[in-house]
Amino acid sequence: MPLNITIIGAGSRFSFGITADLIRDEYFTGSTLALVDPDERALDTSTRIVNRMVAESGADLNVISSRYRDEVLPSTDYVLNSIAVGEPFARERDVAIGEEHGIYQPTSQTVGPGGYCRGLRVIPHAVEIAKDVAETCPNATIIDLANPLAAVCRSMIRESGLPVVGLCEQWAVTKRFFAKALDVDEQELELNSVGTNHLTWAIGLEHNGKEILEETIEDLHRPERKCLLGEVPVSARIYKAFGVWPTGTEEHIAEFFNYFLTPETNGGADLGMRIRHTSEEQWDARWEERESWASDAPIHHLLGPSGENAVEIIAALEGYRDPLDEMVNIPNNGLIDNLPHEAIIELPGRVVKGGVEGISIGPLPMAVREILSRRVTQQEIQIDAALSGDRDLALRGLLFDDQITSLEVAKQVLDASLKANEKYLPRFL
């Protein structure tokens, strides 16, 4: 049966991947894809690109677009949230403010003062979206792709009562690393990990049905494997300290700790990490590229599989396919014994018709639990601060961040961040 799928934040490149996956899947024949973005230029460009993709593929997919979500939500079955607030240069400001206070942030998406401020910007808008969905299409499922993912998912669920599933593929970076270490095809491995988005921990690794995580890590520590282990210095050191292997990119993992992104490591550069900066010239070049895709430049490269799993998950939720085993971000609800029930956790789940079933994990090791508990507490305070505009709450949440070195630094960073983001944080005025 044709579905109505809405992407909010359709100016992002996620729209192209979602479109590519929809037009390749016969189950979505006759469905409608609604693109929503308040940025008129971004929406127009994305709409023209998506229409070109559909036309070139010959798929039976209807495309509509609007700057206003209330025009498309009433008939929606699935809402994909991929919003970013204050881009393209909000992240650059976040990174610069951090550097002024000796804080280095390679991604600035989840934690660190930049990731924290990103949450203050995004959470109010995400909650408004969730409330609109609850009012206009209460049977819809929200799939969140926006960062900081765990805090955004929690805020939407808490304030609307709707089901929300968060999706992220960063954990797969570690799966590829293990495949390289074992000299096997990535598809032969099944990696299970659990934690909070962008900081998960390996709990199992299977090769052709055989559990091999412990022996794989032991093998990595043989002297002759030193060069390979040197490709993941952060993960290796975290494992040595806590006895559990973290999963995800080195940059994301490092931002959760205060050991790696320091002046002594040249902001992480000595460990192979770098802070990504995007100049106005680079942003202009990206727009020119997108304008060319919207016009007459070849777009065959956009039509391949996206590598994302949102469309597969929708198909499984609809019962179009057999149950799908996938990493998901969902409420804990007792799946991890020693974390709060309401915490958003990333873990292996089974997507079945009508819902997502998490896999029971049991208790986490004490050290890992404590690391994750701090993040869960911080996220709850961050949500309260973002929705209330309370500066004291915002400071309290920021103080939970491991990259903050003192109360004075926290105050200075928060003041600078709120001032730089006045346009996007009106509740704090």
Protein backbone atom coordinates (compact mmCIF):
# COMPACT_ATOMS: atom_id res chain seq x y z
CA MET A 1 0.00 0.00 0.00
CA PRO A 2 1.43 3.43 -0.91
CA LEU A 3 2.74 5.44 2.02
CA ASN A 4 3.19 9.12 2.78
CA ILE A 5 6.71 9.84 4.00
CA THR A 6 7.78 13.31 5.11
CA ILE A 7 11.35 14.54 5.49
CA ILE A 8 11.64 17.60 7.72
CA GLY A 9 14.97 19.28 7.16
CA ALA A 10 14.86 18.22 3.53
CA GLY A 11 17.61 20.66 2.59
CA SER A 12 20.10 18.14 3.98
CA ARG A 13 21.77 15.52 1.82
CA PHE A 14 19.81 12.83 3.69
CA SER A 15 16.97 13.59 1.27
CA PHE A 16 18.92 12.26 -1.68
CA GLY A 17 19.81 9.00 0.06
CA ILE A 18 16.24 8.45 1.22
CA THR A 19 14.98 9.12 -2.30
CA ALA A 20 17.50 6.71 -3.82
CA ASP A 21 16.43 3.95 -1.45
CA LEU A 22 12.71 4.58 -2.03
CA ILE A 23 12.96 4.45 -5.81
CA ARG A 24 14.95 1.21 -5.68
CA ASP A 25 12.35 -0.54 -3.53
CA GLU A 26 9.23 -1.86 -5.25
CA TYR A 27 7.28 -1.84 -1.99
CA PHE A 28 7.07 1.95 -2.15
CA THR A 29 5.59 2.18 -5.63
CA GLY A 30 2.96 4.92 -5.73
CA SER A 31 4.08 6.43 -2.42
CA THR A 32 4.42 10.16 -1.78
CA LEU A 33 7.58 11.81 -0.52
CA ALA A 34 7.02 15.23 1.05
CA LEU A 35 10.03 17.52 1.41
CA VAL A 36 9.82 20.19 4.12
CA ASP A 37 12.38 22.86 4.91
CA PRO A 38 11.88 26.48 5.99
CA ASP A 39 14.95 27.51 3.97
CA GLU A 40 13.47 28.39 0.59
CA ARG A 41 16.71 28.02 -1.35
CA ALA A 42 17.61 24.69 0.24
CA LEU A 43 14.11 23.34 -0.30
CA ASP A 44 13.95 24.43 -3.94
CA THR A 45 17.34 22.92 -4.74
CA SER A 46 16.60 19.63 -2.98
CA THR A 47 13.19 19.37 -4.64
CA ARG A 48 14.65 19.82 -8.10
CA ILE A 49 17.36 17.23 -7.40
CA VAL A 50 14.87 14.71 -6.02
CA ASN A 51 12.54 15.23 -8.99
CA ARG A 52 15.46 14.61 -11.35
CA MET A 53 16.34 11.42 -9.47
CA VAL A 54 12.78 10.14 -9.74
CA ALA A 55 12.53 11.06 -13.42
CA GLU A 56 15.83 9.42 -14.36
CA SER A 57 14.96 6.25 -12.48
CA GLY A 58 11.47 6.00 -13.92
CA ALA A 59 10.12 5.22 -10.45
CA ASP A 60 6.49 5.72 -9.50
CA LEU A 61 7.12 8.10 -6.61
CA ASN A 62 5.20 11.32 -6.07
CA VAL A 63 7.19 14.29 -4.78
CA ILE A 64 5.70 17.33 -3.09
CA SER A 65 7.39 20.10 -1.13
CA SER A 66 6.50 22.87 1.28
CA ARG A 67 8.19 25.30 3.63
CA TYR A 68 5.41 24.60 6.12
CA ARG A 69 5.02 21.16 7.66
CA ASP A 70 1.36 21.69 8.58
CA GLU A 71 0.57 21.53 4.87
CA VAL A 72 1.78 17.93 4.55
CA LEU A 73 1.66 16.33 8.02
CA PRO A 74 -2.06 15.43 8.21
CA SER A 75 -1.65 12.51 5.79
CA THR A 76 1.81 11.42 6.87
CA ASP A 77 2.68 7.86 7.91
CA TYR A 78 6.38 8.40 8.66
CA VAL A 79 8.26 11.55 9.62
CA LEU A 80 12.02 11.65 9.12
CA ASN A 81 13.58 14.40 11.20
CA SER A 82 16.92 15.64 9.84
CA ILE A 83 16.87 19.27 10.97
CA ALA A 84 19.89 21.40 11.77
CA VAL A 85 19.46 24.84 13.32
CA GLY A 86 21.79 27.71 12.59
CA GLU A 87 23.77 26.03 9.84
CA PRO A 88 25.90 26.40 7.85
CA PHE A 89 28.09 28.38 10.23
CA ALA A 90 26.72 27.60 13.70
CA ARG A 91 29.09 24.66 14.03
CA GLU A 92 32.03 26.86 13.05
CA ARG A 93 31.12 29.27 15.85
CA ASP A 94 30.76 26.39 18.32
CA VAL A 95 34.20 25.06 17.43
CA ALA A 96 35.82 28.50 17.60
CA ILE A 97 34.36 29.24 21.04
CA GLY A 98 35.70 25.94 22.30
CA GLU A 99 39.17 26.57 20.91
CA GLU A 100 39.27 29.98 22.60
CA HIS A 101 39.00 28.10 25.90
CA GLY A 102 41.38 25.25 25.08
CA ILE A 103 38.64 22.82 24.05
CA TYR A 104 39.01 20.94 20.77
CA GLN A 105 35.98 19.43 19.04
CA PRO A 106 36.50 17.36 15.87
CA THR A 107 32.77 16.80 15.27
CA SER A 108 30.89 19.10 17.69
CA GLN A 109 27.72 17.06 17.12
CA THR A 110 26.89 15.40 20.42
CA VAL A 111 29.04 16.39 23.40
CA GLY A 112 31.65 19.00 24.16
CA PRO A 113 30.33 22.55 24.52
CA GLY A 114 29.65 22.67 20.77
CA GLY A 115 27.56 19.51 20.77
CA TYR A 116 25.80 20.74 23.89
CA CYS A 117 24.94 24.08 22.28
CA ARG A 118 23.80 22.28 19.15
CA GLY A 119 21.30 20.48 21.37
CA LEU A 120 20.06 23.75 22.85
CA ARG A 121 19.38 24.95 19.31
CA VAL A 122 17.79 21.78 17.93
CA ILE A 123 15.73 20.40 20.82
CA PRO A 124 13.00 23.11 20.92
CA HIS A 125 12.37 22.72 17.18
CA ALA A 126 12.38 18.92 17.42
CA VAL A 127 9.83 19.06 20.22
CA GLU A 128 7.60 21.41 18.20
CA ILE A 129 7.75 18.95 15.31
CA ALA A 130 6.83 16.04 17.59
CA LYS A 131 3.89 17.94 19.08
CA ASP A 132 2.63 18.83 15.60
CA VAL A 133 2.86 15.18 14.60
CA ALA A 134 0.96 14.16 17.74
CA GLU A 135 -1.80 16.63 16.89
CA THR A 136 -2.12 16.13 13.13
CA CYS A 137 -1.00 12.54 12.43
CA PRO A 138 -0.84 10.76 15.81
CA ASN A 139 -0.44 7.32 14.23
CA ALA A 140 2.76 8.34 12.46
CA THR A 141 6.18 7.07 13.50
CA ILE A 142 9.06 9.52 13.83
CA ILE A 143 12.51 8.44 12.70
CA ASP A 144 15.18 10.81 13.96
CA LEU A 145 18.42 11.44 12.09
CA ALA A 146 19.24 14.78 13.74
CA ASN A 147 22.05 15.32 16.24
CA PRO A 148 22.55 15.25 19.15
CA LEU A 149 20.52 12.13 18.46
CA ALA A 150 19.93 10.69 21.94
CA ALA A 151 18.89 14.03 23.44
CA VAL A 152 16.67 14.83 20.46
CA CYS A 153 14.94 11.43 20.60
CA ARG A 154 14.41 11.70 24.34
CA SER A 155 12.98 15.22 24.07
CA MET A 156 10.51 14.24 21.35
CA ILE A 157 9.31 11.16 23.20
CA ARG A 158 9.10 12.94 26.55
CA GLU A 159 7.14 15.91 25.28
CA SER A 160 4.83 14.20 22.75
CA GLY A 161 4.40 10.60 23.91
CA LEU A 162 4.92 9.38 20.35
CA PRO A 163 7.20 6.51 19.33
CA VAL A 164 10.55 7.73 18.02
CA VAL A 165 13.39 5.64 16.62
CA GLY A 166 16.84 7.15 16.21
CA LEU A 167 19.18 5.88 13.52
CA CYS A 168 22.93 6.28 13.14
CA GLU A 169 25.58 4.25 11.32
CA GLN A 170 28.72 5.44 13.13
CA TRP A 171 29.10 2.15 15.03
CA ALA A 172 29.73 0.42 11.69
CA VAL A 173 33.14 2.13 11.49
CA THR A 174 34.35 -0.33 14.12
CA LYS A 175 32.83 -3.24 12.23
CA ARG A 176 34.87 -2.24 9.19
CA PHE A 177 38.00 -1.99 11.34
CA PHE A 178 37.48 -5.50 12.73
CA ALA A 179 36.87 -6.81 9.21
CA LYS A 180 40.19 -5.32 8.14
CA ALA A 181 41.93 -6.82 11.17
CA LEU A 182 40.49 -10.25 10.39
CA ASP A 183 40.96 -9.91 6.63
CA VAL A 184 37.34 -10.88 5.97
CA ASP A 185 34.44 -9.25 4.19
CA GLU A 186 32.53 -6.84 6.41
CA GLN A 187 29.28 -8.64 5.56
CA GLU A 188 30.58 -11.81 7.21
CA LEU A 189 30.67 -10.10 10.61
CA GLU A 190 27.92 -9.25 13.06
CA LEU A 191 28.95 -6.63 15.60
CA ASN A 192 26.71 -5.94 18.57
CA SER A 193 27.28 -2.87 20.68
CA VAL A 194 25.37 -0.89 23.27
CA GLY A 195 25.54 2.56 24.80
CA THR A 196 24.56 6.09 23.92
CA ASN A 197 24.72 7.42 20.39
CA HIS A 198 28.31 8.06 19.29
CA LEU A 199 29.66 6.20 22.34
CA THR A 200 28.68 2.55 22.20
CA TRP A 201 30.59 -0.45 23.53
CA ALA A 202 31.19 -3.79 21.82
CA ILE A 203 29.43 -6.70 23.53
CA GLY A 204 29.76 -9.28 20.78
CA LEU A 205 31.40 -9.99 17.43
CA GLU A 206 30.39 -13.02 15.38
CA HIS A 207 32.00 -14.46 12.27
CA ASN A 208 29.82 -17.03 10.52
CA GLY A 209 27.96 -17.59 13.77
CA LYS A 210 31.04 -17.98 15.99
CA GLU A 211 31.67 -15.47 18.80
CA ILE A 212 35.16 -13.99 18.32
CA LEU A 213 35.24 -10.57 20.04
CA GLU A 214 37.64 -11.48 22.85
CA GLU A 215 40.08 -13.36 20.63
CA THR A 216 39.99 -10.60 18.00
CA ILE A 217 40.94 -7.94 20.55
CA GLU A 218 43.65 -10.19 21.99
CA ASP A 219 45.07 -10.71 18.51
CA LEU A 220 45.15 -6.95 17.93
CA HIS A 221 47.47 -6.57 20.90
CA ARG A 222 50.17 -8.88 19.54
CA PRO A 223 53.41 -6.94 18.90
CA GLU A 224 53.29 -7.58 15.16
CA ARG A 225 49.83 -5.94 15.02
CA LYS A 226 51.06 -2.69 16.58
CA CYS A 227 50.74 -0.78 13.31
CA LEU A 228 47.09 -1.78 12.86
CA LEU A 229 46.24 -0.98 16.46
CA GLY A 230 47.86 2.40 15.91
CA GLU A 231 45.04 3.26 13.50
CA VAL A 232 42.65 3.44 16.46
CA PRO A 233 44.72 4.94 19.31
CA VAL A 234 41.70 6.32 21.16
CA SER A 235 39.75 3.05 21.07
CA ALA A 236 42.83 1.08 22.08
CA ARG A 237 43.53 3.30 25.09
CA ILE A 238 39.90 3.31 26.18
CA TYR A 239 39.90 -0.49 26.03
CA LYS A 240 43.07 -0.67 28.10
CA ALA A 241 41.57 1.66 30.71
CA PHE A 242 38.04 0.24 30.96
CA GLY A 243 38.30 -3.31 29.60
CA VAL A 244 35.59 -2.81 26.96
CA TRP A 245 36.13 -1.86 23.32
CA PRO A 246 34.29 1.34 22.28
CA THR A 247 32.62 1.47 18.88
CA GLY A 248 32.33 4.41 16.49
CA THR A 249 34.70 6.93 14.98
CA GLU A 250 37.79 7.95 16.89
CA GLU A 251 36.64 11.59 16.77
CA HIS A 252 33.24 10.92 18.30
CA ILE A 253 34.63 8.66 21.01
CA ALA A 254 37.39 11.11 21.97
CA GLU A 255 34.90 13.92 22.57
CA PHE A 256 33.32 11.98 25.45
CA PHE A 257 36.56 12.05 27.46
CA ASN A 258 39.07 14.66 28.59
CA TYR A 259 42.18 12.61 27.85
CA PHE A 260 42.69 12.99 24.12
CA LEU A 261 41.74 16.39 22.72
CA THR A 262 44.30 18.41 24.63
CA PRO A 263 47.03 20.95 23.90
CA GLU A 264 49.54 18.14 24.54
CA THR A 265 48.12 16.18 21.58
CA ASN A 266 47.75 19.31 19.44
CA GLY A 267 44.00 19.12 19.81
CA GLY A 268 44.02 15.44 18.87
CA ALA A 269 46.11 15.91 15.71
CA ASP A 270 48.91 13.75 17.13
CA LEU A 271 46.35 10.95 17.44
CA GLY A 272 45.24 11.28 13.83
CA MET A 273 42.22 13.50 14.45
CA ARG A 274 41.52 16.88 12.98
CA ILE A 275 38.93 19.56 13.50
CA ARG A 276 36.91 20.05 10.35
CA HIS A 277 36.52 23.66 9.29
CA THR A 278 34.36 24.78 6.40
CA SER A 279 35.02 28.16 4.83
CA GLU A 280 32.50 30.35 3.06
CA GLU A 281 34.23 29.45 -0.20
CA GLN A 282 33.72 25.74 0.51
CA TRP A 283 30.05 26.28 1.34
CA ASP A 284 29.62 28.24 -1.86
CA ALA A 285 31.25 25.40 -3.79
CA ARG A 286 28.82 22.92 -2.24
CA TRP A 287 25.88 25.06 -3.29
CA GLU A 288 27.24 25.31 -6.80
CA GLU A 289 27.55 21.53 -6.90
CA ARG A 290 23.97 21.06 -5.75
CA GLU A 291 22.71 23.63 -8.22
CA SER A 292 24.43 21.66 -10.97
CA TRP A 293 22.73 18.46 -9.81
CA ALA A 294 19.41 20.31 -9.82
CA SER A 295 20.03 21.45 -13.40
CA ASP A 296 21.79 19.21 -15.89
CA ALA A 297 24.90 17.70 -14.29
CA PRO A 298 25.06 13.88 -14.11
CA ILE A 299 23.38 12.48 -10.98
CA HIS A 300 23.89 8.75 -11.45
CA HIS A 301 26.11 8.74 -8.35
CA LEU A 302 23.09 9.80 -6.26
CA LEU A 303 20.98 6.86 -7.39
CA GLY A 304 22.91 4.05 -5.68
CA PRO A 305 22.13 2.59 -2.24
CA SER A 306 22.55 5.24 0.44
CA GLY A 307 24.04 3.04 3.13
CA GLU A 308 21.40 4.40 5.52
CA ASN A 309 18.71 2.10 6.87
CA ALA A 310 15.64 4.32 7.30
CA VAL A 311 13.80 2.97 4.25
CA GLU A 312 14.53 -0.65 5.20
CA ILE A 313 13.19 0.02 8.67
CA ILE A 314 9.99 1.56 7.29
CA ALA A 315 9.53 -1.52 5.10
CA ALA A 316 9.95 -3.81 8.11
CA LEU A 317 7.59 -1.72 10.25
CA GLU A 318 4.96 -2.03 7.52
CA GLY A 319 5.43 -5.80 7.32
CA TYR A 320 6.67 -5.60 3.74
CA ARG A 321 9.71 -7.62 4.78
CA ASP A 322 10.77 -10.19 7.32
CA PRO A 323 11.80 -8.80 10.71
CA LEU A 324 14.95 -6.73 10.41
CA ASP A 325 17.84 -6.88 12.88
CA GLU A 326 19.35 -3.41 13.15
CA MET A 327 21.07 -1.03 15.55
CA VAL A 328 18.47 1.41 16.87
CA ASN A 329 18.15 4.20 19.42
CA ILE A 330 15.12 3.60 21.61
CA PRO A 331 14.04 4.02 25.26
CA ASN A 332 15.80 1.60 27.58
CA ASN A 333 12.68 0.30 29.36
CA GLY A 334 14.71 -2.22 31.34
CA LEU A 335 16.79 -3.60 28.47
CA ILE A 336 19.90 -2.49 30.39
CA ASP A 337 19.29 -3.28 34.04
CA ASN A 338 21.45 -0.56 35.53
CA LEU A 339 20.46 2.45 33.42
CA PRO A 340 17.26 4.53 33.80
CA HIS A 341 14.21 3.20 31.98
CA GLU A 342 13.68 6.48 30.12
CA ALA A 343 17.26 6.72 28.82
CA ILE A 344 17.70 6.57 25.05
CA ILE A 345 20.12 3.77 24.32
CA GLU A 346 21.68 2.51 21.12
CA LEU A 347 21.59 -1.26 20.90
CA PRO A 348 20.67 -4.20 18.66
CA GLY A 349 16.97 -4.30 17.95
CA ARG A 350 14.50 -6.26 15.89
CA VAL A 351 12.17 -4.24 13.68
CA VAL A 352 8.85 -6.03 13.21
CA LYS A 353 5.50 -5.03 11.81
CA GLY A 354 4.22 -2.25 14.04
CA GLY A 355 7.23 -1.65 16.26
CA VAL A 356 10.83 -2.06 17.36
CA GLU A 357 11.86 -4.65 19.93
CA GLY A 358 15.15 -4.05 21.72
CA ILE A 359 17.36 -6.94 22.75
CA SER A 360 17.70 -7.46 26.50
CA ILE A 361 21.29 -6.73 27.54
CA GLY A 362 21.29 -7.13 31.32
CA PRO A 363 23.66 -5.06 33.48
CA LEU A 364 26.64 -3.17 32.07
CA PRO A 365 30.09 -3.23 33.67
CA MET A 366 30.25 -0.68 36.48
CA ALA A 367 32.71 1.69 34.78
CA VAL A 368 30.79 1.73 31.49
CA ARG A 369 27.51 2.23 33.33
CA GLU A 370 28.92 5.23 35.17
CA ILE A 371 30.19 6.82 31.94
CA LEU A 372 26.79 6.39 30.31
CA SER A 373 24.85 7.49 33.40
CA ARG A 374 26.56 10.88 33.30
CA ARG A 375 25.47 11.33 29.70
CA VAL A 376 21.88 10.33 30.48
CA THR A 377 21.74 12.85 33.33
CA GLN A 378 23.29 15.56 31.19
CA GLN A 379 20.78 14.95 28.39
CA GLU A 380 17.83 15.32 30.75
CA ILE A 381 19.16 18.61 32.13
CA GLN A 382 20.00 19.78 28.61
CA ILE A 383 16.42 19.16 27.49
CA ASP A 384 15.01 21.05 30.48
CA ALA A 385 17.36 23.97 29.78
CA ALA A 386 16.63 24.05 26.06
CA LEU A 387 12.87 24.14 26.60
CA SER A 388 12.87 26.62 29.50
CA GLY A 389 15.67 28.99 28.50
CA ASP A 390 16.99 28.74 32.06
CA ARG A 391 20.67 29.77 32.11
CA ASP A 392 21.33 28.12 35.46
CA LEU A 393 20.05 24.81 34.12
CA ALA A 394 22.10 25.25 30.96
CA LEU A 395 25.22 25.79 33.05
CA ARG A 396 24.42 22.79 35.23
CA GLY A 397 24.13 20.54 32.20
CA LEU A 398 27.33 21.88 30.66
CA LEU A 399 29.22 21.09 33.87
CA PHE A 400 28.56 17.39 33.24
CA ASP A 401 30.69 17.59 30.12
CA ASP A 402 34.11 15.97 30.48
CA GLN A 403 35.80 18.57 28.28
CA ILE A 404 34.91 21.37 30.71
CA THR A 405 37.91 21.98 32.94
CA SER A 406 36.48 24.37 35.54
CA LEU A 407 33.36 26.21 36.66
CA GLU A 408 34.79 29.46 35.32
CA VAL A 409 35.46 27.95 31.90
CA ALA A 410 31.92 26.57 31.83
CA LYS A 411 30.47 30.02 32.57
CA GLN A 412 32.63 31.70 29.93
CA VAL A 413 31.84 29.10 27.27
CA LEU A 414 28.12 29.22 28.00
CA ASP A 415 27.98 33.02 27.93
CA ALA A 416 29.89 33.12 24.64
CA SER A 417 27.73 30.38 23.12
CA LEU A 418 24.44 31.99 24.10
CA LYS A 419 25.58 35.37 22.79
CA ALA A 420 26.81 33.91 19.49
CA ASN A 421 23.53 32.02 19.05
CA GLU A 422 21.05 34.70 20.15
CA LYS A 423 19.18 34.37 16.87
CA TYR A 424 18.65 30.64 17.39
CA LEU A 425 18.14 30.61 21.17
CA PRO A 426 15.38 33.19 21.79
CA ARG A 427 14.28 31.46 25.00
CA PHE A 428 17.54 32.51 26.64
CA LEU A 429 17.15 36.23 25.89
